[in-house]
């Protein structure tokens, strides 16, 4: 089974209500690891979180409150909880129940707090990124194997990377020669040069995730027909592990 993975979003919605016809939420599969992180973060003073999270005093105070209130019960399906551009353009609120079931099997949302999430796994707001260190330990080491196993553990050896480098590089050290991780690159032709514009790339990743879900894509080669926002597949910039798409500004 081909898997697809997205980065999380730094911003989260404050406990939004899921659409009425959404399949039942599930528990994240790595809660035992999340509970350990939560216990450590809960013990940190706001000034310590400011340093750990590399953020402002105001955001550190909000993060401290989130961890004091965090519980391993309840929450909102992850695909509705994140509020970044990729998730806005995924538009999960308009997916059908059948679409969501396909997504539950194929789509993974990588979280520095919850690990690999399925779209309907119930989560609560948090503030933590993979590049952060906790008690001097790397979160790449903490989650890298779990990310890899979730993508490739079923033996098919194919995953489509729609994540940022911050998250995709957590998987790379574990790749075996038989594994195939295909990265989608979204490039914009502007002023005579090809550029990866972060905002456009994030939007395109969300639309590509939706395209995969709606069209029940099971092989990377089927992605070459993606044409959102005038993106066109560019064979000359693509290879077995890269699919390049170009649009013009």
C-alpha atoms as a PDB file:
ATOM      1  CA  UNK A   1       0.000   0.000   0.000  1.00  0.00           C
ATOM      2  CA  UNK A   2       1.447   3.361  -1.031  1.00  0.00           C
ATOM      3  CA  UNK A   3       1.640   5.842   1.845  1.00  0.00           C
ATOM      4  CA  UNK A   4       1.700   9.629   1.630  1.00  0.00           C
ATOM      5  CA  UNK A   5       3.004  11.944   4.333  1.00  0.00           C
ATOM      6  CA  UNK A   6       2.594  15.612   5.210  1.00  0.00           C
ATOM      7  CA  UNK A   7       4.245  17.870   7.759  1.00  0.00           C
ATOM      8  CA  UNK A   8       2.067  19.198  10.570  1.00  0.00           C
ATOM      9  CA  UNK A   9       1.290  22.908  10.852  1.00  0.00           C
ATOM     10  CA  UNK A  10       2.757  25.140  13.534  1.00  0.00           C
ATOM     11  CA  UNK A  11      -0.627  26.769  14.092  1.00  0.00           C
ATOM     12  CA  UNK A  12      -3.543  24.714  15.334  1.00  0.00           C
ATOM     13  CA  UNK A  13      -7.238  25.404  15.526  1.00  0.00           C
ATOM     14  CA  UNK A  14      -8.654  25.669  19.005  1.00  0.00           C
ATOM     15  CA  UNK A  15     -10.573  22.398  19.244  1.00  0.00           C
ATOM     16  CA  UNK A  16     -12.706  22.761  16.072  1.00  0.00           C
ATOM     17  CA  UNK A  17     -15.826  20.660  15.626  1.00  0.00           C
ATOM     18  CA  UNK A  18     -15.470  17.877  13.057  1.00  0.00           C
ATOM     19  CA  UNK A  19     -18.182  17.572  10.376  1.00  0.00           C
ATOM     20  CA  UNK A  20     -21.168  15.501  11.466  1.00  0.00           C
ATOM     21  CA  UNK A  21     -20.686  12.604   9.009  1.00  0.00           C
ATOM     22  CA  UNK A  22     -17.008  11.991   9.791  1.00  0.00           C
ATOM     23  CA  UNK A  23     -16.101   8.400  10.771  1.00  0.00           C
ATOM     24  CA  UNK A  24     -15.334   7.909  14.452  1.00  0.00           C
ATOM     25  CA  UNK A  25     -12.052   9.346  15.699  1.00  0.00           C
ATOM     26  CA  UNK A  26      -9.292   6.932  16.650  1.00  0.00           C
ATOM     27  CA  UNK A  27      -6.617   7.036  19.331  1.00  0.00           C
ATOM     28  CA  UNK A  28      -3.080   7.885  18.177  1.00  0.00           C
ATOM     29  CA  UNK A  29      -0.986   4.737  18.117  1.00  0.00           C
ATOM     30  CA  UNK A  30       2.047   6.173  19.910  1.00  0.00           C
ATOM     31  CA  UNK A  31       0.348   7.720  22.925  1.00  0.00           C
ATOM     32  CA  UNK A  32       2.746   5.975  25.282  1.00  0.00           C
ATOM     33  CA  UNK A  33       5.601   7.990  23.760  1.00  0.00           C
ATOM     34  CA  UNK A  34       3.531  11.177  23.690  1.00  0.00           C
ATOM     35  CA  UNK A  35       2.735  10.784  27.386  1.00  0.00           C
ATOM     36  CA  UNK A  36       6.463  10.782  28.155  1.00  0.00           C
ATOM     37  CA  UNK A  37       6.964  13.991  26.174  1.00  0.00           C
ATOM     38  CA  UNK A  38       3.937  15.587  27.842  1.00  0.00           C
ATOM     39  CA  UNK A  39       5.240  14.760  31.316  1.00  0.00           C
ATOM     40  CA  UNK A  40       8.594  16.331  30.539  1.00  0.00           C
ATOM     41  CA  UNK A  41       7.082  19.454  28.956  1.00  0.00           C
ATOM     42  CA  UNK A  42       4.574  19.869  31.784  1.00  0.00           C
ATOM     43  CA  UNK A  43       7.451  20.132  34.248  1.00  0.00           C
ATOM     44  CA  UNK A  44       9.053  23.009  32.347  1.00  0.00           C
ATOM     45  CA  UNK A  45       8.603  26.625  33.433  1.00  0.00           C
ATOM     46  CA  UNK A  46       7.512  29.079  30.710  1.00  0.00           C
ATOM     47  CA  UNK A  47      11.024  30.568  30.490  1.00  0.00           C
ATOM     48  CA  UNK A  48      12.398  27.070  29.852  1.00  0.00           C
ATOM     49  CA  UNK A  49       9.800  26.441  27.149  1.00  0.00           C
ATOM     50  CA  UNK A  50      10.763  29.751  25.573  1.00  0.00           C
ATOM     51  CA  UNK A  51      14.249  28.349  25.057  1.00  0.00           C
ATOM     52  CA  UNK A  52      13.174  24.832  24.058  1.00  0.00           C
ATOM     53  CA  UNK A  53      10.577  26.044  21.563  1.00  0.00           C
ATOM     54  CA  UNK A  54      12.727  28.964  20.370  1.00  0.00           C
ATOM     55  CA  UNK A  55       9.789  31.306  20.631  1.00  0.00           C
ATOM     56  CA  UNK A  56       8.488  34.454  22.308  1.00  0.00           C
ATOM     57  CA  UNK A  57       7.545  34.719  26.004  1.00  0.00           C
ATOM     58  CA  UNK A  58       3.865  35.078  25.070  1.00  0.00           C
ATOM     59  CA  UNK A  59       3.814  31.892  22.967  1.00  0.00           C
ATOM     60  CA  UNK A  60       5.806  30.051  25.638  1.00  0.00           C
ATOM     61  CA  UNK A  61       3.153  30.997  28.218  1.00  0.00           C
ATOM     62  CA  UNK A  62       0.404  29.657  25.948  1.00  0.00           C
ATOM     63  CA  UNK A  63       2.395  26.468  25.338  1.00  0.00           C
ATOM     64  CA  UNK A  64       2.848  25.982  29.093  1.00  0.00           C
ATOM     65  CA  UNK A  65      -0.922  26.265  29.555  1.00  0.00           C
ATOM     66  CA  UNK A  66      -1.516  23.741  26.777  1.00  0.00           C
ATOM     67  CA  UNK A  67       0.740  21.184  28.415  1.00  0.00           C
ATOM     68  CA  UNK A  68      -0.778  21.708  31.847  1.00  0.00           C
ATOM     69  CA  UNK A  69      -4.217  21.028  30.354  1.00  0.00           C
ATOM     70  CA  UNK A  70      -3.157  18.211  28.031  1.00  0.00           C
ATOM     71  CA  UNK A  71      -4.795  14.825  28.459  1.00  0.00           C
ATOM     72  CA  UNK A  72      -4.513  11.563  26.549  1.00  0.00           C
ATOM     73  CA  UNK A  73      -8.286  11.382  26.121  1.00  0.00           C
ATOM     74  CA  UNK A  74     -10.575  13.144  23.671  1.00  0.00           C
ATOM     75  CA  UNK A  75      -9.469  15.644  21.070  1.00  0.00           C
ATOM     76  CA  UNK A  76     -10.222  16.388  17.419  1.00  0.00           C
ATOM     77  CA  UNK A  77      -9.250  14.369  14.318  1.00  0.00           C
ATOM     78  CA  UNK A  78      -5.782  15.560  13.342  1.00  0.00           C
ATOM     79  CA  UNK A  79      -6.684  16.481   9.783  1.00  0.00           C
ATOM     80  CA  UNK A  80      -9.073  19.152  11.138  1.00  0.00           C
ATOM     81  CA  UNK A  81      -6.795  20.334  13.943  1.00  0.00           C
ATOM     82  CA  UNK A  82      -3.916  21.770  11.902  1.00  0.00           C
ATOM     83  CA  UNK A  83      -4.302  25.251  10.442  1.00  0.00           C
ATOM     84  CA  UNK A  84      -1.453  25.650   7.947  1.00  0.00           C
ATOM     85  CA  UNK A  85      -1.627  26.354   4.220  1.00  0.00           C
ATOM     86  CA  UNK A  86      -1.309  22.704   3.208  1.00  0.00           C
ATOM     87  CA  UNK A  87      -4.337  21.861   5.356  1.00  0.00           C
ATOM     88  CA  UNK A  88      -6.356  24.793   4.054  1.00  0.00           C
ATOM     89  CA  UNK A  89      -5.803  23.531   0.513  1.00  0.00           C
ATOM     90  CA  UNK A  90      -6.405  19.909   1.452  1.00  0.00           C
ATOM     91  CA  UNK A  91      -9.898  21.077   2.526  1.00  0.00           C
ATOM     92  CA  UNK A  92     -10.584  18.026   4.639  1.00  0.00           C
ATOM     93  CA  UNK A  93     -13.960  19.456   5.666  1.00  0.00           C
ATOM     94  CA  UNK A  94     -15.306  18.740   2.170  1.00  0.00           C
ATOM     95  CA  UNK A  95     -14.003  15.174   1.845  1.00  0.00           C
ATOM     96  CA  UNK A  96     -16.594  12.405   1.860  1.00  0.00           C
ATOM     97  CA  UNK A  97     -16.696   9.629   4.437  1.00  0.00           C
ATOM     98  CA  UNK A  98     -15.280   7.262   1.783  1.00  0.00           C
ATOM     99  CA  UNK A  99     -12.497   9.749   1.034  1.00  0.00           C
ATOM    100  CA  UNK A 100     -11.638   9.941   4.730  1.00  0.00           C
ATOM    101  CA  UNK A 101     -11.488   6.178   5.036  1.00  0.00           C
ATOM    102  CA  UNK A 102      -9.036   6.035   2.121  1.00  0.00           C
ATOM    103  CA  UNK A 103      -7.043   8.830   3.755  1.00  0.00           C
ATOM    104  CA  UNK A 104      -7.012   6.974   7.069  1.00  0.00           C
ATOM    105  CA  UNK A 105      -5.301   4.048   5.349  1.00  0.00           C
ATOM    106  CA  UNK A 106      -2.923   6.007   3.112  1.00  0.00           C
ATOM    107  CA  UNK A 107      -2.194   9.487   4.531  1.00  0.00           C
ATOM    108  CA  UNK A 108       0.141  10.165   7.453  1.00  0.00           C
ATOM    109  CA  UNK A 109       0.633  13.461   9.271  1.00  0.00           C
ATOM    110  CA  UNK A 110       3.998  13.598  11.006  1.00  0.00           C
ATOM    111  CA  UNK A 111       3.937  15.233  14.437  1.00  0.00           C
ATOM    112  CA  UNK A 112       6.829  16.004  16.783  1.00  0.00           C
ATOM    113  CA  UNK A 113       4.470  15.412  19.725  1.00  0.00           C
ATOM    114  CA  UNK A 114       2.246  12.517  18.583  1.00  0.00           C
ATOM    115  CA  UNK A 115       4.503  10.798  16.049  1.00  0.00           C
ATOM    116  CA  UNK A 116       2.935   9.426  12.837  1.00  0.00           C
ATOM    117  CA  UNK A 117      -0.760  10.292  12.835  1.00  0.00           C
ATOM    118  CA  UNK A 118      -3.601   9.006  10.731  1.00  0.00           C
ATOM    119  CA  UNK A 119      -6.035  11.751   9.663  1.00  0.00           C
ATOM    120  CA  UNK A 120      -8.766  10.652  12.083  1.00  0.00           C
ATOM    121  CA  UNK A 121      -6.497  10.190  15.098  1.00  0.00           C
ATOM    122  CA  UNK A 122      -7.788  12.464  17.878  1.00  0.00           C
ATOM    123  CA  UNK A 123      -5.300  15.054  19.095  1.00  0.00           C
ATOM    124  CA  UNK A 124      -5.237  18.142  21.286  1.00  0.00           C
ATOM    125  CA  UNK A 125      -3.408  21.444  20.690  1.00  0.00           C
ATOM    126  CA  UNK A 126       0.324  21.421  21.382  1.00  0.00           C
ATOM    127  CA  UNK A 127       3.436  23.358  20.463  1.00  0.00           C
ATOM    128  CA  UNK A 128       6.495  21.330  19.463  1.00  0.00           C
ATOM    129  CA  UNK A 129       8.565  20.959  16.307  1.00  0.00           C
ATOM    130  CA  UNK A 130      10.888  18.203  15.223  1.00  0.00           C
ATOM    131  CA  UNK A 131      13.923  20.497  15.191  1.00  0.00           C
ATOM    132  CA  UNK A 132      13.495  21.220  18.905  1.00  0.00           C
ATOM    133  CA  UNK A 133      15.460  19.322  21.542  1.00  0.00           C
ATOM    134  CA  UNK A 134      13.960  18.168  24.801  1.00  0.00           C
ATOM    135  CA  UNK A 135      16.199  17.513  27.791  1.00  0.00           C
ATOM    136  CA  UNK A 136      19.123  17.596  25.393  1.00  0.00           C
ATOM    137  CA  UNK A 137      17.718  14.795  23.254  1.00  0.00           C
ATOM    138  CA  UNK A 138      16.937  14.922  19.542  1.00  0.00           C
ATOM    139  CA  UNK A 139      13.331  14.453  18.494  1.00  0.00           C
ATOM    140  CA  UNK A 140      14.656  13.057  15.216  1.00  0.00           C
ATOM    141  CA  UNK A 141      16.092  10.142  17.165  1.00  0.00           C
ATOM    142  CA  UNK A 142      12.939   9.907  19.254  1.00  0.00           C
ATOM    143  CA  UNK A 143      10.550   9.614  16.278  1.00  0.00           C
ATOM    144  CA  UNK A 144      12.627   8.672  13.222  1.00  0.00           C
ATOM    145  CA  UNK A 145      12.193   4.900  13.445  1.00  0.00           C
ATOM    146  CA  UNK A 146       8.452   5.214  14.134  1.00  0.00           C
ATOM    147  CA  UNK A 147       8.026   7.465  11.086  1.00  0.00           C
ATOM    148  CA  UNK A 148       9.898   4.997   8.897  1.00  0.00           C
ATOM    149  CA  UNK A 149       8.085   1.919  10.202  1.00  0.00           C
ATOM    150  CA  UNK A 150       4.715   3.561   9.686  1.00  0.00           C
ATOM    151  CA  UNK A 151       5.498   4.310   6.042  1.00  0.00           C
ATOM    152  CA  UNK A 152       7.356   1.162   5.051  1.00  0.00           C
ATOM    153  CA  UNK A 153       6.474  -1.439   7.673  1.00  0.00           C
ATOM    154  CA  UNK A 154       3.815  -3.122   5.533  1.00  0.00           C
ATOM    155  CA  UNK A 155       6.482  -4.233   3.064  1.00  0.00           C
ATOM    156  CA  UNK A 156       5.348  -2.379  -0.068  1.00  0.00           C
ATOM    157  CA  UNK A 157       8.272   0.037   0.164  1.00  0.00           C
ATOM    158  CA  UNK A 158       6.637   3.072  -1.512  1.00  0.00           C
ATOM    159  CA  UNK A 159       5.945   6.450   0.088  1.00  0.00           C
ATOM    160  CA  UNK A 160       5.137   9.856  -1.423  1.00  0.00           C
ATOM    161  CA  UNK A 161       6.821  12.739   0.365  1.00  0.00           C
ATOM    162  CA  UNK A 162       4.689  15.875   0.602  1.00  0.00           C
ATOM    163  CA  UNK A 163       6.451  17.068   3.743  1.00  0.00           C
ATOM    164  CA  UNK A 164       9.012  19.770   4.394  1.00  0.00           C
ATOM    165  CA  UNK A 165      12.667  18.834   4.625  1.00  0.00           C
ATOM    166  CA  UNK A 166      12.468  19.212   8.420  1.00  0.00           C
ATOM    167  CA  UNK A 167      10.198  16.176   8.569  1.00  0.00           C
ATOM    168  CA  UNK A 168      11.229  14.128   5.547  1.00  0.00           C
ATOM    169  CA  UNK A 169      14.856  14.030   6.654  1.00  0.00           C
ATOM    170  CA  UNK A 170      13.749  12.143   9.782  1.00  0.00           C
ATOM    171  CA  UNK A 171      12.934   9.166   7.531  1.00  0.00           C
ATOM    172  CA  UNK A 172      15.967   9.187   5.238  1.00  0.00           C
ATOM    173  CA  UNK A 173      18.525   7.575   7.605  1.00  0.00           C
ATOM    174  CA  UNK A 174      16.337   4.465   7.852  1.00  0.00           C
ATOM    175  CA  UNK A 175      15.679   3.936   4.131  1.00  0.00           C
ATOM    176  CA  UNK A 176      16.749   0.594   2.702  1.00  0.00           C
ATOM    177  CA  UNK A 177      17.842   0.011  -0.914  1.00  0.00           C
ATOM    178  CA  UNK A 178      14.467  -1.587  -1.697  1.00  0.00           C
ATOM    179  CA  UNK A 179      12.496   1.382  -0.333  1.00  0.00           C
ATOM    180  CA  UNK A 180      11.226   4.067  -2.680  1.00  0.00           C
ATOM    181  CA  UNK A 181      10.460   7.497  -1.268  1.00  0.00           C
ATOM    182  CA  UNK A 182       9.186   9.805  -4.005  1.00  0.00           C
ATOM    183  CA  UNK A 183       9.425  13.529  -3.295  1.00  0.00           C
ATOM    184  CA  UNK A 184       7.054  15.901  -5.082  1.00  0.00           C
ATOM    185  CA  UNK A 185       8.714  19.212  -5.954  1.00  0.00           C
ATOM    186  CA  UNK A 186       6.557  22.195  -6.870  1.00  0.00           C
ATOM    187  CA  UNK A 187       8.492  24.862  -8.761  1.00  0.00           C
ATOM    188  CA  UNK A 188       7.465  28.260 -10.075  1.00  0.00           C
ATOM    189  CA  UNK A 189       8.965  29.808 -13.199  1.00  0.00           C
ATOM    190  CA  UNK A 190       9.576  33.461 -12.339  1.00  0.00           C
ATOM    191  CA  UNK A 191      11.809  36.010 -14.078  1.00  0.00           C
ATOM    192  CA  UNK A 192      13.522  33.357 -16.137  1.00  0.00           C
ATOM    193  CA  UNK A 193      14.347  31.082 -13.196  1.00  0.00           C
ATOM    194  CA  UNK A 194      12.755  28.098 -11.509  1.00  0.00           C
ATOM    195  CA  UNK A 195      12.161  28.717  -7.825  1.00  0.00           C
ATOM    196  CA  UNK A 196      10.543  26.827  -5.000  1.00  0.00           C
ATOM    197  CA  UNK A 197       8.219  29.429  -3.495  1.00  0.00           C
ATOM    198  CA  UNK A 198       7.406  28.224   0.009  1.00  0.00           C
ATOM    199  CA  UNK A 199       3.829  29.523   0.065  1.00  0.00           C
ATOM    200  CA  UNK A 200       2.934  28.053  -3.325  1.00  0.00           C
ATOM    201  CA  UNK A 201       4.657  24.751  -2.500  1.00  0.00           C
ATOM    202  CA  UNK A 202       2.694  24.380   0.746  1.00  0.00           C
ATOM    203  CA  UNK A 203      -0.587  24.990  -1.057  1.00  0.00           C
ATOM    204  CA  UNK A 204       0.339  22.514  -3.796  1.00  0.00           C
ATOM    205  CA  UNK A 205       1.239  19.822  -1.250  1.00  0.00           C
ATOM    206  CA  UNK A 206      -2.227  20.122   0.250  1.00  0.00           C
ATOM    207  CA  UNK A 207      -3.896  19.919  -3.155  1.00  0.00           C
ATOM    208  CA  UNK A 208      -1.751  16.946  -4.133  1.00  0.00           C
ATOM    209  CA  UNK A 209      -2.790  15.134  -0.946  1.00  0.00           C
ATOM    210  CA  UNK A 210      -6.422  15.782  -1.856  1.00  0.00           C
ATOM    211  CA  UNK A 211      -5.800  14.636  -5.447  1.00  0.00           C
ATOM    212  CA  UNK A 212      -4.375  11.350  -4.162  1.00  0.00           C
ATOM    213  CA  UNK A 213      -7.346  10.826  -1.852  1.00  0.00           C
ATOM    214  CA  UNK A 214     -10.091  11.706  -4.325  1.00  0.00           C
ATOM    215  CA  UNK A 215      -8.570   9.694  -7.162  1.00  0.00           C
ATOM    216  CA  UNK A 216      -7.578   6.708  -4.981  1.00  0.00           C
ATOM    217  CA  UNK A 217      -3.991   6.906  -6.230  1.00  0.00           C
ATOM    218  CA  UNK A 218      -1.965   3.772  -5.515  1.00  0.00           C
ATOM    219  CA  UNK A 219       1.242   4.423  -7.500  1.00  0.00           C
ATOM    220  CA  UNK A 220       3.499   7.498  -7.841  1.00  0.00           C
ATOM    221  CA  UNK A 221       3.332   7.322 -11.653  1.00  0.00           C
ATOM    222  CA  UNK A 222      -0.357   8.236 -11.486  1.00  0.00           C
ATOM    223  CA  UNK A 223       0.551  11.613  -9.976  1.00  0.00           C
ATOM    224  CA  UNK A 224       1.926  12.961 -13.249  1.00  0.00           C
ATOM    225  CA  UNK A 225      -1.591  14.060 -14.277  1.00  0.00           C
ATOM    226  CA  UNK A 226      -1.847  16.525 -11.379  1.00  0.00           C
ATOM    227  CA  UNK A 227      -2.621  19.971 -12.851  1.00  0.00           C
ATOM    228  CA  UNK A 228      -3.848  22.225 -10.038  1.00  0.00           C
ATOM    229  CA  UNK A 229      -3.009  25.935 -10.483  1.00  0.00           C
ATOM    230  CA  UNK A 230      -1.580  25.187 -13.958  1.00  0.00           C
ATOM    231  CA  UNK A 231       1.120  22.926 -12.543  1.00  0.00           C
ATOM    232  CA  UNK A 232       2.460  20.528 -15.148  1.00  0.00           C
ATOM    233  CA  UNK A 233       4.618  17.469 -14.660  1.00  0.00           C
ATOM    234  CA  UNK A 234       8.178  18.080 -15.918  1.00  0.00           C
ATOM    235  CA  UNK A 235       9.823  14.833 -16.957  1.00  0.00           C
ATOM    236  CA  UNK A 236      13.273  16.372 -17.555  1.00  0.00           C
ATOM    237  CA  UNK A 237      13.538  17.319 -13.856  1.00  0.00           C
ATOM    238  CA  UNK A 238      12.072  14.067 -12.562  1.00  0.00           C
ATOM    239  CA  UNK A 239      13.500  10.646 -11.809  1.00  0.00           C
ATOM    240  CA  UNK A 240      12.575   7.498  -9.905  1.00  0.00           C
ATOM    241  CA  UNK A 241      12.585   9.351  -6.576  1.00  0.00           C
ATOM    242  CA  UNK A 242      11.481  12.843  -7.650  1.00  0.00           C
ATOM    243  CA  UNK A 243       8.387  14.129  -9.398  1.00  0.00           C
ATOM    244  CA  UNK A 244       8.797  17.748 -10.492  1.00  0.00           C
ATOM    245  CA  UNK A 245       5.867  20.015 -11.309  1.00  0.00           C
ATOM    246  CA  UNK A 246       6.200  23.500 -12.794  1.00  0.00           C
ATOM    247  CA  UNK A 247       3.858  26.468 -12.940  1.00  0.00           C
ATOM    248  CA  UNK A 248       4.426  30.027 -14.177  1.00  0.00           C
ATOM    249  CA  UNK A 249       4.039  33.098 -12.045  1.00  0.00           C
END
